[in-house]
N, C-alpha and C. Protein backbone atom coordinates (compact mmCIF):
# COMPACT_ATOMS: atom_id res chain seq x y z
N MET A 1 3.40 14.01 -26.02
CA MET A 1 3.96 13.77 -24.65
C MET A 1 3.11 12.65 -23.98
N MET A 2 3.95 11.77 -23.14
CA MET A 2 3.16 10.56 -22.65
C MET A 2 2.41 11.25 -21.50
N PRO A 3 1.21 10.25 -21.23
CA PRO A 3 0.36 10.92 -20.39
C PRO A 3 0.75 10.48 -18.94
N PHE A 4 0.32 11.56 -17.88
CA PHE A 4 0.79 11.59 -16.71
C PHE A 4 0.16 10.13 -15.97
N PRO A 5 0.79 9.43 -15.19
CA PRO A 5 0.33 7.77 -14.96
C PRO A 5 -0.53 7.80 -13.59
N PHE A 6 -1.10 8.95 -13.42
CA PHE A 6 -2.06 8.86 -12.19
C PHE A 6 -3.50 9.48 -12.63
N GLU A 7 -4.67 8.85 -12.17
CA GLU A 7 -5.80 9.61 -12.46
C GLU A 7 -5.70 11.41 -11.86
N CYS A 8 -6.16 12.25 -12.66
CA CYS A 8 -6.16 13.38 -12.38
C CYS A 8 -7.63 14.32 -12.48
N MET A 9 -7.93 14.92 -11.75
CA MET A 9 -9.27 15.88 -11.69
C MET A 9 -8.96 17.29 -12.14
N ALA A 10 -9.39 18.10 -12.94
CA ALA A 10 -9.14 19.54 -13.07
C ALA A 10 -10.35 20.20 -12.16
N THR A 11 -9.74 21.46 -11.65
CA THR A 11 -10.49 22.46 -10.88
C THR A 11 -9.82 23.46 -11.05
N THR A 12 -10.30 24.71 -10.37
CA THR A 12 -9.80 26.06 -10.28
C THR A 12 -8.79 26.18 -9.21
N GLY A 13 -7.97 27.03 -9.42
CA GLY A 13 -7.33 27.24 -8.28
C GLY A 13 -7.90 27.92 -7.02
N ALA A 14 -8.96 28.55 -7.05
CA ALA A 14 -9.68 28.99 -5.98
C ALA A 14 -10.40 27.80 -5.35
N GLN A 15 -10.72 26.85 -5.92
CA GLN A 15 -11.48 25.68 -5.34
C GLN A 15 -10.46 24.34 -4.94
N ALA A 16 -9.37 24.54 -5.65
CA ALA A 16 -8.46 23.41 -5.28
C ALA A 16 -8.45 22.87 -3.62
N LEU A 17 -8.26 23.62 -2.98
CA LEU A 17 -8.49 23.18 -1.40
C LEU A 17 -9.59 22.34 -1.12
N ALA A 18 -10.75 23.03 -1.30
CA ALA A 18 -12.13 22.63 -1.18
C ALA A 18 -12.17 20.92 -1.97
N THR A 19 -11.89 20.95 -3.18
CA THR A 19 -11.74 19.85 -3.83
C THR A 19 -10.97 18.87 -3.43
N TRP A 20 -9.79 18.87 -2.85
CA TRP A 20 -9.03 18.20 -2.21
C TRP A 20 -9.71 17.77 -0.86
N GLU A 21 -10.09 18.25 -0.34
CA GLU A 21 -10.89 17.79 0.93
C GLU A 21 -11.70 16.97 0.62
N GLU A 22 -12.91 17.04 -0.16
CA GLU A 22 -13.79 16.44 -0.79
C GLU A 22 -13.07 14.95 -1.17
N LEU A 23 -12.10 14.92 -2.12
CA LEU A 23 -11.37 13.65 -2.45
C LEU A 23 -10.75 13.11 -1.47
N LYS A 24 -10.36 13.77 -0.55
CA LYS A 24 -9.71 13.06 0.65
C LYS A 24 -10.22 11.71 1.14
N THR A 25 -11.63 11.87 1.36
CA THR A 25 -12.54 10.87 1.70
C THR A 25 -13.26 10.14 0.68
N ALA A 26 -13.12 10.28 -0.48
CA ALA A 26 -13.71 9.82 -1.71
C ALA A 26 -13.29 8.45 -1.62
N GLY A 27 -12.29 7.78 -1.15
CA GLY A 27 -11.83 6.39 -1.59
C GLY A 27 -11.46 5.83 -2.79
N ARG A 28 -10.69 7.01 -3.59
CA ARG A 28 -10.11 7.01 -4.94
C ARG A 28 -8.89 7.14 -4.92
N GLY A 29 -8.01 6.83 -3.74
CA GLY A 29 -6.60 7.26 -3.84
C GLY A 29 -6.23 8.50 -2.93
N VAL A 30 -5.18 8.87 -2.81
CA VAL A 30 -4.89 10.02 -1.77
C VAL A 30 -4.50 10.95 -2.79
N PRO A 31 -5.34 12.03 -2.56
CA PRO A 31 -5.14 13.22 -3.60
C PRO A 31 -4.04 14.25 -3.40
N VAL A 32 -3.49 14.89 -4.20
CA VAL A 32 -2.55 16.01 -3.97
C VAL A 32 -2.77 16.91 -5.11
N VAL A 33 -2.75 18.33 -5.05
CA VAL A 33 -2.85 19.31 -5.95
C VAL A 33 -1.39 19.40 -6.64
N ILE A 34 -1.50 19.16 -7.88
CA ILE A 34 0.02 19.11 -8.76
C ILE A 34 0.00 20.40 -9.53
N GLY A 35 -0.74 21.50 -9.44
CA GLY A 35 -0.65 22.43 -10.29
C GLY A 35 -1.14 22.61 -11.67
N SER A 36 -0.58 23.35 -12.34
CA SER A 36 -0.98 23.56 -13.75
C SER A 36 -0.69 22.39 -14.86
N ASP A 37 -0.97 22.94 -16.06
CA ASP A 37 -0.83 21.95 -17.39
C ASP A 37 0.81 21.96 -17.52
N GLU A 38 1.46 23.07 -17.12
CA GLU A 38 3.04 23.13 -17.28
C GLU A 38 3.45 22.15 -16.15
N SER A 39 3.11 22.46 -14.81
CA SER A 39 3.57 21.45 -13.88
C SER A 39 3.34 20.04 -14.08
N VAL A 40 2.18 19.68 -14.62
CA VAL A 40 2.04 18.29 -14.68
C VAL A 40 2.80 17.76 -15.90
N GLY A 41 2.98 18.48 -16.94
CA GLY A 41 4.21 17.91 -17.98
C GLY A 41 5.56 17.84 -17.36
N ILE A 42 5.94 18.57 -16.66
CA ILE A 42 7.12 18.51 -15.93
C ILE A 42 7.51 17.24 -15.04
N LEU A 43 6.33 16.98 -14.11
CA LEU A 43 6.13 16.07 -13.40
C LEU A 43 6.27 14.46 -14.36
N THR A 44 5.45 14.72 -15.36
CA THR A 44 5.36 13.45 -16.14
C THR A 44 6.73 12.96 -16.76
N GLU A 45 7.74 14.06 -16.92
CA GLU A 45 8.92 13.73 -17.26
C GLU A 45 9.85 12.77 -16.53
N ALA A 46 9.40 12.67 -15.45
CA ALA A 46 9.99 11.32 -14.43
C ALA A 46 9.64 10.09 -14.68
N PHE A 47 8.62 9.91 -15.65
CA PHE A 47 8.22 8.68 -16.03
C PHE A 47 8.61 8.10 -17.30
N ASN A 48 9.41 9.17 -18.06
CA ASN A 48 9.96 8.46 -19.34
C ASN A 48 10.72 7.15 -18.94
N PRO A 49 10.48 6.20 -19.81
CA PRO A 49 10.98 4.78 -19.52
C PRO A 49 12.60 4.78 -19.52
N SER A 50 13.20 5.83 -20.37
CA SER A 50 14.79 5.71 -20.30
C SER A 50 14.93 6.14 -18.94
N ARG A 51 14.45 7.29 -18.41
CA ARG A 51 14.89 7.62 -17.24
C ARG A 51 14.48 6.86 -16.13
N LEU A 52 13.22 6.13 -16.18
CA LEU A 52 12.99 5.11 -15.03
C LEU A 52 13.90 4.25 -14.86
N LEU A 53 14.59 3.58 -16.16
CA LEU A 53 15.65 2.67 -16.07
C LEU A 53 16.72 2.77 -15.21
N LYS A 54 17.27 4.08 -14.98
CA LYS A 54 18.28 4.72 -14.28
C LYS A 54 17.87 4.97 -12.75
N GLN A 55 16.57 5.04 -12.27
CA GLN A 55 16.19 5.27 -11.08
C GLN A 55 15.66 4.05 -10.31
N PRO A 56 15.83 4.14 -9.03
CA PRO A 56 15.40 3.14 -7.99
C PRO A 56 13.62 2.84 -8.43
N SER A 57 13.40 1.60 -8.13
CA SER A 57 11.93 1.18 -8.04
C SER A 57 11.20 2.04 -6.92
N LEU A 58 9.82 2.05 -7.18
CA LEU A 58 9.15 2.54 -5.89
C LEU A 58 9.40 1.81 -4.63
N ALA A 59 9.41 0.33 -4.79
CA ALA A 59 9.75 -0.44 -3.36
C ALA A 59 11.14 -0.07 -3.02
N GLU A 60 12.19 0.31 -3.71
CA GLU A 60 13.55 0.32 -3.25
C GLU A 60 13.66 1.71 -2.76
N ILE A 61 12.93 2.79 -3.25
CA ILE A 61 12.91 4.05 -2.67
C ILE A 61 12.10 4.25 -1.36
N LEU A 62 10.86 3.18 -1.12
CA LEU A 62 10.41 3.18 0.14
C LEU A 62 11.32 2.43 1.28
N ALA A 63 12.03 1.58 0.75
CA ALA A 63 12.97 0.73 1.69
C ALA A 63 14.07 1.37 2.06
N THR A 64 14.42 2.39 1.36
CA THR A 64 15.67 3.29 1.74
C THR A 64 15.19 4.42 2.78
N ALA A 65 13.74 5.00 2.58
CA ALA A 65 13.23 5.96 3.40
C ALA A 65 12.95 5.38 4.56
N LYS A 66 12.66 4.02 4.93
CA LYS A 66 12.50 3.35 6.37
C LYS A 66 14.18 3.78 6.91
N ARG A 67 14.77 3.60 6.29
CA ARG A 67 16.27 3.59 6.97
C ARG A 67 16.95 5.02 7.43
N ILE A 68 16.39 5.98 6.77
CA ILE A 68 16.71 7.39 6.99
C ILE A 68 16.28 8.08 8.11
N ARG A 69 17.21 8.73 8.89
CA ARG A 69 16.65 9.31 10.27
C ARG A 69 16.55 10.89 9.78
N HIS A 70 15.59 11.36 9.83
CA HIS A 70 15.39 12.66 9.60
C HIS A 70 15.25 13.57 10.92
N PRO A 71 15.93 14.54 10.87
CA PRO A 71 16.64 15.33 9.77
C PRO A 71 18.26 14.80 10.01
N GLU A 72 18.75 14.32 10.51
CA GLU A 72 20.20 13.98 11.01
C GLU A 72 20.73 13.51 9.63
N ASP A 73 20.11 12.60 9.03
CA ASP A 73 20.80 11.90 7.73
C ASP A 73 20.74 12.87 6.81
N LEU A 74 19.69 13.78 6.10
CA LEU A 74 19.82 14.95 5.54
C LEU A 74 20.88 15.85 5.75
N ALA A 75 20.87 16.26 7.01
CA ALA A 75 21.72 17.47 7.31
C ALA A 75 23.06 16.88 7.21
N ALA A 76 23.48 15.76 7.13
CA ALA A 76 24.79 15.24 7.08
C ALA A 76 25.11 15.18 5.26
N THR A 77 24.20 14.72 4.80
CA THR A 77 24.58 14.56 3.34
C THR A 77 24.68 16.17 2.74
N THR A 78 23.70 17.11 3.20
CA THR A 78 23.50 18.62 2.83
C THR A 78 25.01 19.16 3.11
N LEU A 79 25.75 19.00 4.29
CA LEU A 79 26.75 19.47 4.94
C LEU A 79 27.82 19.19 3.87
N LEU A 80 27.87 17.74 3.44
CA LEU A 80 29.01 17.27 2.95
C LEU A 80 29.09 17.58 1.46
N ALA A 81 27.85 18.05 0.82
CA ALA A 81 27.84 18.78 -0.42
C ALA A 81 28.16 19.93 -0.31
N GLU A 82 27.42 20.71 0.26
CA GLU A 82 27.53 22.43 0.31
C GLU A 82 27.21 23.02 1.76
N PRO A 83 28.43 23.20 2.74
CA PRO A 83 28.07 23.67 3.91
C PRO A 83 27.20 25.14 3.82
N ARG A 84 26.15 25.12 4.41
CA ARG A 84 25.49 26.43 4.41
C ARG A 84 25.28 26.84 5.65
N ARG A 85 25.29 28.46 6.05
CA ARG A 85 25.02 28.79 7.52
C ARG A 85 23.91 30.03 7.22
N ALA A 86 22.58 29.99 7.80
CA ALA A 86 21.71 30.91 7.69
C ALA A 86 21.75 31.89 8.78
N PRO A 87 21.64 33.09 8.52
CA PRO A 87 21.48 34.34 9.43
C PRO A 87 20.59 34.13 10.31
N VAL A 88 20.60 34.33 11.85
CA VAL A 88 19.48 34.18 12.61
C VAL A 88 18.66 35.22 12.41
N GLY A 89 19.23 36.58 12.50
CA GLY A 89 18.65 37.58 12.46
C GLY A 89 17.60 38.05 13.74
N GLU A 90 17.04 39.10 13.75
CA GLU A 90 16.11 39.58 14.79
C GLU A 90 14.70 39.07 14.51
N TRP A 91 14.06 38.84 15.79
CA TRP A 91 12.77 38.45 15.51
C TRP A 91 11.81 39.41 15.03
N PRO A 92 11.37 39.30 14.16
CA PRO A 92 10.20 40.35 13.53
C PRO A 92 9.11 40.86 14.28
N ALA A 93 8.63 41.92 14.20
CA ALA A 93 7.27 42.58 14.87
C ALA A 93 6.31 41.76 14.28
N GLU A 94 6.02 41.53 13.17
CA GLU A 94 5.01 40.73 12.62
C GLU A 94 5.66 39.56 11.65
N PRO A 95 5.09 38.43 11.60
CA PRO A 95 5.50 37.45 10.75
C PRO A 95 4.91 37.69 9.16
N SER A 96 5.55 37.35 8.17
CA SER A 96 4.88 37.52 6.70
C SER A 96 3.65 36.77 6.89
N PRO A 97 3.05 37.31 5.84
CA PRO A 97 1.40 36.52 5.66
C PRO A 97 1.65 35.32 5.14
N SER A 98 0.41 34.61 5.30
CA SER A 98 0.54 33.14 5.08
C SER A 98 0.20 33.13 3.31
N ALA A 99 1.00 32.23 2.87
CA ALA A 99 0.90 32.35 1.17
C ALA A 99 -0.04 30.83 0.97
N GLY A 100 -0.24 30.04 2.04
CA GLY A 100 -1.50 28.98 1.88
C GLY A 100 -1.00 28.04 0.72
N LEU A 101 -2.07 27.72 -0.19
CA LEU A 101 -1.56 26.43 -1.08
C LEU A 101 -0.94 27.11 -2.21
N THR A 102 -0.08 27.24 -2.56
CA THR A 102 0.81 27.96 -3.44
C THR A 102 1.08 27.16 -4.69
N VAL A 103 0.91 25.86 -4.85
CA VAL A 103 0.60 25.38 -6.09
C VAL A 103 -0.41 25.50 -6.93
N ALA A 104 -1.58 25.91 -6.22
CA ALA A 104 -2.67 26.64 -7.03
C ALA A 104 -2.67 27.90 -7.42
N MET A 105 -1.63 28.47 -7.34
CA MET A 105 -1.36 30.16 -7.41
C MET A 105 -0.51 30.38 -8.59
N LYS A 106 -0.64 31.69 -9.12
CA LYS A 106 0.47 32.45 -9.87
C LYS A 106 1.56 32.74 -8.75
N HIS A 107 2.54 33.31 -9.50
CA HIS A 107 3.72 33.98 -8.69
C HIS A 107 3.23 34.98 -7.68
N ASN A 108 2.23 35.87 -8.15
CA ASN A 108 1.69 37.03 -7.66
C ASN A 108 0.64 36.58 -6.47
N LEU A 109 0.51 35.37 -6.39
CA LEU A 109 -0.64 34.69 -5.32
C LEU A 109 -1.90 34.84 -5.66
N THR A 110 -2.36 35.00 -6.99
CA THR A 110 -3.44 35.07 -7.33
C THR A 110 -4.00 33.59 -7.80
N PRO A 111 -5.05 33.38 -7.78
CA PRO A 111 -5.54 31.64 -8.07
C PRO A 111 -5.23 31.25 -9.59
N LEU A 112 -4.91 30.18 -10.02
CA LEU A 112 -4.31 29.79 -11.31
C LEU A 112 -5.94 29.54 -11.73
N ALA A 113 -6.42 29.69 -13.27
CA ALA A 113 -7.78 29.51 -13.80
C ALA A 113 -7.89 27.74 -13.80
N LYS A 114 -6.67 27.02 -13.83
CA LYS A 114 -6.92 25.48 -13.90
C LYS A 114 -5.71 25.10 -13.16
N VAL A 115 -6.21 24.07 -12.21
CA VAL A 115 -5.00 23.11 -11.54
C VAL A 115 -5.72 21.81 -11.79
N TYR A 116 -4.81 20.88 -11.51
CA TYR A 116 -5.07 19.33 -11.44
C TYR A 116 -5.00 18.82 -9.94
N ILE A 117 -5.48 17.85 -9.48
CA ILE A 117 -5.44 17.15 -8.42
C ILE A 117 -5.23 15.74 -8.92
N ALA A 118 -4.04 15.19 -8.63
CA ALA A 118 -3.88 13.85 -8.69
C ALA A 118 -4.40 12.88 -7.70
N LEU A 119 -4.73 11.68 -7.90
CA LEU A 119 -5.16 10.54 -7.13
C LEU A 119 -4.17 9.55 -7.05
N ILE A 120 -3.19 9.25 -6.01
CA ILE A 120 -2.32 8.44 -5.80
C ILE A 120 -2.68 7.21 -5.41
N PRO A 121 -2.45 6.10 -6.20
CA PRO A 121 -2.95 4.70 -5.48
C PRO A 121 -2.05 4.26 -4.31
N ALA A 122 -2.52 4.82 -2.91
CA ALA A 122 -1.66 4.49 -1.93
C ALA A 122 -2.65 4.64 -0.74
N ASP A 123 -2.21 3.79 0.21
CA ASP A 123 -2.87 4.17 1.72
C ASP A 123 -2.21 5.29 2.44
N ASP A 124 -1.08 5.40 2.38
CA ASP A 124 -0.15 6.10 3.19
C ASP A 124 0.40 7.38 2.30
N TRP A 125 -0.14 8.56 2.58
CA TRP A 125 -0.11 10.10 1.88
C TRP A 125 1.64 10.30 1.86
N THR A 126 2.28 9.75 2.95
CA THR A 126 3.99 10.05 3.12
C THR A 126 4.61 9.69 1.94
N THR A 127 4.18 8.63 1.16
CA THR A 127 4.69 7.82 0.26
C THR A 127 4.40 8.71 -1.29
N ILE A 128 3.79 9.51 -1.41
CA ILE A 128 3.35 10.45 -2.76
C ILE A 128 4.80 10.94 -3.41
N PRO A 129 5.90 11.30 -2.60
CA PRO A 129 6.98 11.87 -3.59
C PRO A 129 7.59 10.44 -4.05
N ALA A 130 7.39 9.17 -3.57
CA ALA A 130 8.10 8.24 -3.91
C ALA A 130 7.40 7.58 -5.23
N HIS A 131 5.85 7.66 -5.02
CA HIS A 131 5.10 7.30 -6.50
C HIS A 131 5.37 8.32 -7.39
N ALA A 132 5.64 9.45 -7.08
CA ALA A 132 5.81 10.53 -8.09
C ALA A 132 6.99 10.55 -8.77
N ARG A 133 8.17 9.99 -7.95
CA ARG A 133 9.57 9.84 -8.21
C ARG A 133 10.13 11.42 -8.61
N TRP A 134 9.57 11.97 -7.33
CA TRP A 134 9.60 13.44 -7.27
C TRP A 134 10.93 13.77 -6.16
N GLY A 135 11.69 14.73 -6.88
CA GLY A 135 12.97 15.25 -6.30
C GLY A 135 14.23 14.82 -6.87
N GLY A 136 15.59 15.21 -6.35
CA GLY A 136 16.63 14.72 -6.91
C GLY A 136 17.45 15.79 -7.91
N ARG A 137 16.76 16.69 -8.11
CA ARG A 137 17.40 17.72 -9.15
C ARG A 137 17.83 18.88 -8.52
N ASP A 138 18.65 19.66 -8.66
CA ASP A 138 19.33 20.59 -7.88
C ASP A 138 19.73 20.35 -6.60
N ALA A 139 19.08 21.50 -5.80
CA ALA A 139 19.41 21.15 -4.37
C ALA A 139 17.85 20.40 -3.67
N CYS A 140 17.12 20.07 -4.44
CA CYS A 140 16.02 19.08 -4.08
C CYS A 140 16.21 18.02 -3.51
N PRO A 141 16.06 17.28 -2.53
CA PRO A 141 16.34 16.06 -1.98
C PRO A 141 15.72 15.07 -2.67
N ARG A 142 16.41 13.84 -2.83
CA ARG A 142 15.77 12.59 -3.58
C ARG A 142 14.44 12.30 -3.01
N ALA A 143 13.88 11.45 -3.65
CA ALA A 143 12.46 11.07 -3.25
C ALA A 143 12.25 10.49 -1.78
N GLU A 144 13.24 9.54 -1.44
CA GLU A 144 13.50 8.82 -0.13
C GLU A 144 13.56 9.74 1.09
N TYR A 145 14.45 10.95 0.84
CA TYR A 145 14.44 11.86 1.91
C TYR A 145 12.97 12.77 2.22
N HIS A 146 12.44 12.83 1.26
CA HIS A 146 11.06 13.65 1.24
C HIS A 146 10.06 12.66 2.12
N VAL A 147 10.25 11.35 1.73
CA VAL A 147 9.09 10.43 2.49
C VAL A 147 9.49 10.55 3.94
N ALA A 148 10.95 10.55 4.25
CA ALA A 148 11.36 10.34 5.54
C ALA A 148 10.97 11.60 6.12
N ALA A 149 11.22 12.72 5.78
CA ALA A 149 10.62 14.17 6.31
C ALA A 149 9.25 14.16 6.34
N LEU A 150 8.46 13.69 5.47
CA LEU A 150 6.95 13.87 5.87
C LEU A 150 6.74 13.07 6.88
N ARG A 151 7.15 11.71 7.08
CA ARG A 151 6.82 10.90 8.28
C ARG A 151 7.11 11.55 9.56
N SER A 152 8.43 12.25 9.77
CA SER A 152 8.89 12.88 10.94
C SER A 152 7.73 13.98 11.23
N TRP A 153 7.70 14.88 10.44
CA TRP A 153 6.73 16.01 10.50
C TRP A 153 5.23 15.59 10.68
N ARG A 154 4.61 14.44 10.08
CA ARG A 154 3.38 14.09 10.44
C ARG A 154 3.51 13.48 11.85
N ASP A 155 4.33 12.92 12.34
CA ASP A 155 4.32 12.36 13.73
C ASP A 155 4.61 13.49 14.72
N ARG A 156 5.28 14.55 14.40
CA ARG A 156 5.73 15.65 15.38
C ARG A 156 4.80 16.74 15.37
N PHE A 157 4.23 16.86 14.04
CA PHE A 157 3.50 18.10 13.92
C PHE A 157 2.19 18.13 13.23
N GLY A 158 1.56 16.73 13.01
CA GLY A 158 0.36 16.64 12.40
C GLY A 158 0.41 17.14 10.92
N ALA A 159 1.36 17.02 10.59
CA ALA A 159 1.77 17.67 9.05
C ALA A 159 0.81 16.72 7.85
N GLU A 160 0.28 17.53 6.79
CA GLU A 160 -0.12 16.50 5.90
C GLU A 160 0.17 17.25 4.59
N LEU A 161 0.55 16.46 3.67
CA LEU A 161 0.98 17.00 2.14
C LEU A 161 -0.20 17.22 1.42
N ILE A 162 -0.52 18.59 1.03
CA ILE A 162 -1.62 19.03 0.01
C ILE A 162 -1.29 19.28 -1.43
N GLY A 163 -0.26 19.97 -1.56
CA GLY A 163 0.37 20.35 -2.78
C GLY A 163 1.76 19.91 -3.15
N LEU A 164 1.92 19.45 -4.26
CA LEU A 164 3.21 18.93 -4.84
C LEU A 164 3.26 19.34 -6.12
N SER A 165 3.92 20.24 -6.85
CA SER A 165 3.91 20.73 -8.02
C SER A 165 5.32 20.30 -8.67
N SER A 166 5.69 20.77 -9.71
CA SER A 166 7.18 20.39 -10.39
C SER A 166 8.06 20.90 -9.67
N ASP A 167 8.06 21.89 -8.61
CA ASP A 167 9.33 22.61 -7.85
C ASP A 167 8.68 23.03 -6.61
N ARG A 168 7.52 23.05 -6.34
CA ARG A 168 6.86 23.44 -4.89
C ARG A 168 6.37 22.21 -4.06
N MET A 169 6.43 22.63 -2.73
CA MET A 169 5.55 21.59 -1.86
C MET A 169 4.82 22.26 -0.90
N ASP A 170 3.62 22.16 -0.49
CA ASP A 170 2.83 22.69 0.40
C ASP A 170 2.36 21.76 1.35
N LEU A 171 2.33 21.93 2.81
CA LEU A 171 2.10 21.18 3.93
C LEU A 171 1.21 22.11 4.65
N ARG A 172 0.25 21.24 5.35
CA ARG A 172 -0.63 21.94 6.51
C ARG A 172 -0.31 21.17 7.67
N VAL A 173 -0.16 21.99 9.09
CA VAL A 173 0.25 21.17 9.91
C VAL A 173 -0.92 21.68 11.19
N VAL A 174 -1.06 20.72 11.78
CA VAL A 174 -2.10 20.75 13.14
C VAL A 174 -1.46 21.18 14.26
N ARG A 175 -0.03 21.27 14.68
CA ARG A 175 0.67 21.48 15.81
C ARG A 175 1.78 22.41 15.42
N ARG A 176 1.79 23.53 15.98
CA ARG A 176 2.77 24.46 15.67
C ARG A 176 4.13 24.37 16.60
N PRO A 177 5.10 24.94 16.55
CA PRO A 177 6.15 25.02 17.56
C PRO A 177 5.42 25.95 18.74
N GLY A 178 5.91 25.38 20.10
CA GLY A 178 5.15 26.11 21.14
C GLY A 178 6.19 27.25 21.86
N SER A 179 7.31 27.45 21.27
CA SER A 179 8.20 28.64 21.63
C SER A 179 8.74 29.02 20.53
N ARG A 180 9.59 30.24 20.88
CA ARG A 180 10.49 30.82 19.90
C ARG A 180 11.85 29.69 19.51
N GLU A 181 12.34 29.23 20.87
CA GLU A 181 13.45 28.27 20.76
C GLU A 181 13.09 27.28 19.90
N GLN A 182 12.08 26.65 20.22
CA GLN A 182 11.46 25.37 19.23
C GLN A 182 11.31 25.74 17.63
N ALA A 183 10.48 27.02 17.44
CA ALA A 183 10.46 27.48 16.17
C ALA A 183 11.82 27.56 15.43
N LEU A 184 12.69 28.18 16.17
CA LEU A 184 14.01 28.53 15.31
C LEU A 184 14.74 26.92 15.11
N GLU A 185 14.54 25.98 16.24
CA GLU A 185 15.30 24.66 15.75
C GLU A 185 14.46 24.20 14.54
N LEU A 186 13.17 24.21 14.35
CA LEU A 186 12.35 23.95 13.43
C LEU A 186 12.96 24.34 11.97
N ALA A 187 13.12 25.87 12.23
CA ALA A 187 13.45 26.74 10.94
C ALA A 187 14.86 26.24 10.54
N ARG A 188 15.91 25.92 11.47
CA ARG A 188 17.18 25.41 10.97
C ARG A 188 16.96 24.24 10.13
N GLU A 189 15.97 23.22 10.84
CA GLU A 189 15.55 21.59 9.89
C GLU A 189 15.00 22.15 8.63
N HIS A 190 14.18 23.12 8.64
CA HIS A 190 13.90 23.24 7.04
C HIS A 190 14.74 24.21 6.36
N TYR A 191 15.48 24.81 6.74
CA TYR A 191 16.48 25.14 6.06
C TYR A 191 17.53 24.36 5.11
N VAL A 192 17.90 23.25 6.35
CA VAL A 192 18.43 21.98 5.71
C VAL A 192 17.83 21.43 4.47
N TYR A 193 16.73 21.33 4.75
CA TYR A 193 15.76 20.45 3.72
C TYR A 193 15.54 21.39 2.34
N CYS A 194 15.20 22.80 2.59
CA CYS A 194 15.22 23.55 1.64
C CYS A 194 15.82 24.92 1.78
N ASN A 195 17.01 25.35 1.52
CA ASN A 195 17.51 26.53 1.76
C ASN A 195 16.96 27.86 0.97
N ASP A 196 16.20 27.46 0.11
CA ASP A 196 15.74 28.57 -0.75
C ASP A 196 14.73 29.51 -0.05
N ILE A 197 13.79 28.58 0.98
CA ILE A 197 12.74 29.13 1.71
C ILE A 197 13.59 30.42 2.53
N VAL A 198 14.67 30.34 2.93
CA VAL A 198 15.62 31.48 3.63
C VAL A 198 16.44 32.39 2.59
N ASP A 199 17.10 31.63 1.96
CA ASP A 199 18.19 32.41 1.10
C ASP A 199 17.18 33.43 0.05
N GLN A 200 16.03 33.08 -0.38
CA GLN A 200 15.50 33.51 -1.50
C GLN A 200 14.26 34.04 -1.02
N GLY A 201 13.74 33.71 0.31
CA GLY A 201 12.53 34.00 1.15
C GLY A 201 12.65 34.95 2.15
N GLU A 202 12.63 34.44 3.07
CA GLU A 202 12.40 35.04 4.42
C GLU A 202 13.77 35.75 4.87
N GLY A 203 14.81 35.50 4.50
CA GLY A 203 16.13 36.15 4.82
C GLY A 203 16.72 35.86 5.78
N THR A 204 16.18 35.49 7.02
CA THR A 204 16.86 34.97 8.31
C THR A 204 16.29 33.83 8.89
N LEU A 205 16.74 33.03 9.88
CA LEU A 205 15.81 32.09 10.34
C LEU A 205 14.84 32.71 11.47
N SER A 206 15.11 33.66 11.98
CA SER A 206 14.21 34.29 12.92
C SER A 206 12.71 34.67 12.09
N ARG A 207 12.91 35.03 10.93
CA ARG A 207 11.53 35.51 10.29
C ARG A 207 11.15 34.21 9.82
N LEU A 208 11.79 33.32 9.52
CA LEU A 208 11.07 31.71 9.11
C LEU A 208 10.22 31.39 10.17
N ALA A 209 10.96 31.36 11.39
CA ALA A 209 10.52 30.84 12.68
C ALA A 209 9.25 31.37 13.02
N ALA A 210 9.14 32.82 12.90
CA ALA A 210 7.93 33.56 13.36
C ALA A 210 6.77 33.24 12.48
N CYS A 211 7.11 32.74 11.15
CA CYS A 211 5.75 32.18 10.38
C CYS A 211 5.44 30.84 10.76
N LEU A 212 6.43 30.36 11.49
CA LEU A 212 6.04 28.70 11.72
C LEU A 212 5.41 28.56 13.23
N ILE A 213 5.24 29.70 13.88
CA ILE A 213 4.39 29.91 15.11
C ILE A 213 3.27 30.34 14.74
N ALA A 214 3.19 31.18 13.68
CA ALA A 214 1.94 31.99 13.43
C ALA A 214 1.02 31.20 12.42
N ASP A 215 1.46 30.21 11.67
CA ASP A 215 0.79 29.97 10.78
C ASP A 215 0.77 28.20 10.40
N ASN A 216 -0.44 27.73 10.00
CA ASN A 216 -0.14 26.31 9.89
C ASN A 216 0.15 25.87 8.29
N TRP A 217 0.62 26.58 7.39
CA TRP A 217 1.05 26.40 6.36
C TRP A 217 2.37 26.40 6.42
N TRP A 218 3.07 25.33 5.65
CA TRP A 218 4.64 25.36 5.30
C TRP A 218 4.88 25.39 4.04
N ASN A 219 5.54 26.04 3.43
CA ASN A 219 5.57 26.33 1.80
C ASN A 219 7.27 25.98 1.73
N PHE A 220 7.57 25.08 0.61
CA PHE A 220 8.82 24.87 0.05
C PHE A 220 8.95 25.04 -1.25
N TRP A 221 10.14 25.58 -1.84
CA TRP A 221 10.24 25.51 -3.15
C TRP A 221 11.84 25.45 -3.61
N TRP A 222 12.31 24.74 -4.72
CA TRP A 222 13.43 24.63 -4.89
C TRP A 222 13.48 25.23 -6.47
N ASP A 223 14.67 26.13 -6.66
CA ASP A 223 14.91 26.74 -7.90
C ASP A 223 15.70 25.82 -8.68
């Protein structure tokens, strides 16, 4: 297997967030937790030379991302490909418990024995999906749509990308929706971006919206 093209540090799942916080100000690049050995192997596949030849360059991805209006352009693309309507449902008595940094955990949400943190040579953390050539498989949007979404959420909610494994993304925000109406609108936006979090997760938009009001972690996954 060819090596992953970015500097990586190993740590434990239990210490991943604390190590990420330390690296954030270390001046060695933008840190992102990328998961286990298996996850790193899958992420490395994007840099196979034959695959890279068929994909846009980093500069081209970032140029396209600048032209994307989030969430309008992604919604238009998604609806053309496969119209989806999620049930609104009843507002839950209590939100689901926070999953936190899922890329550092097993499926049962216990910490992994070893995870890696990649140091991406960038000044802008929203460009991480472009550097990693991340996305574009199954229902997962292409890298430029991730960059556009991250920039929108950074500006509106103070979001920050902390985890990006082979099929998962973990964000932490500093500003939550201020009302149920705002949370439901954001839940609809999240559903367009990643329908699995409702279809295979919360089940309804109201349950997802309740989580968005109650917690600072946003978790996405694409099967």
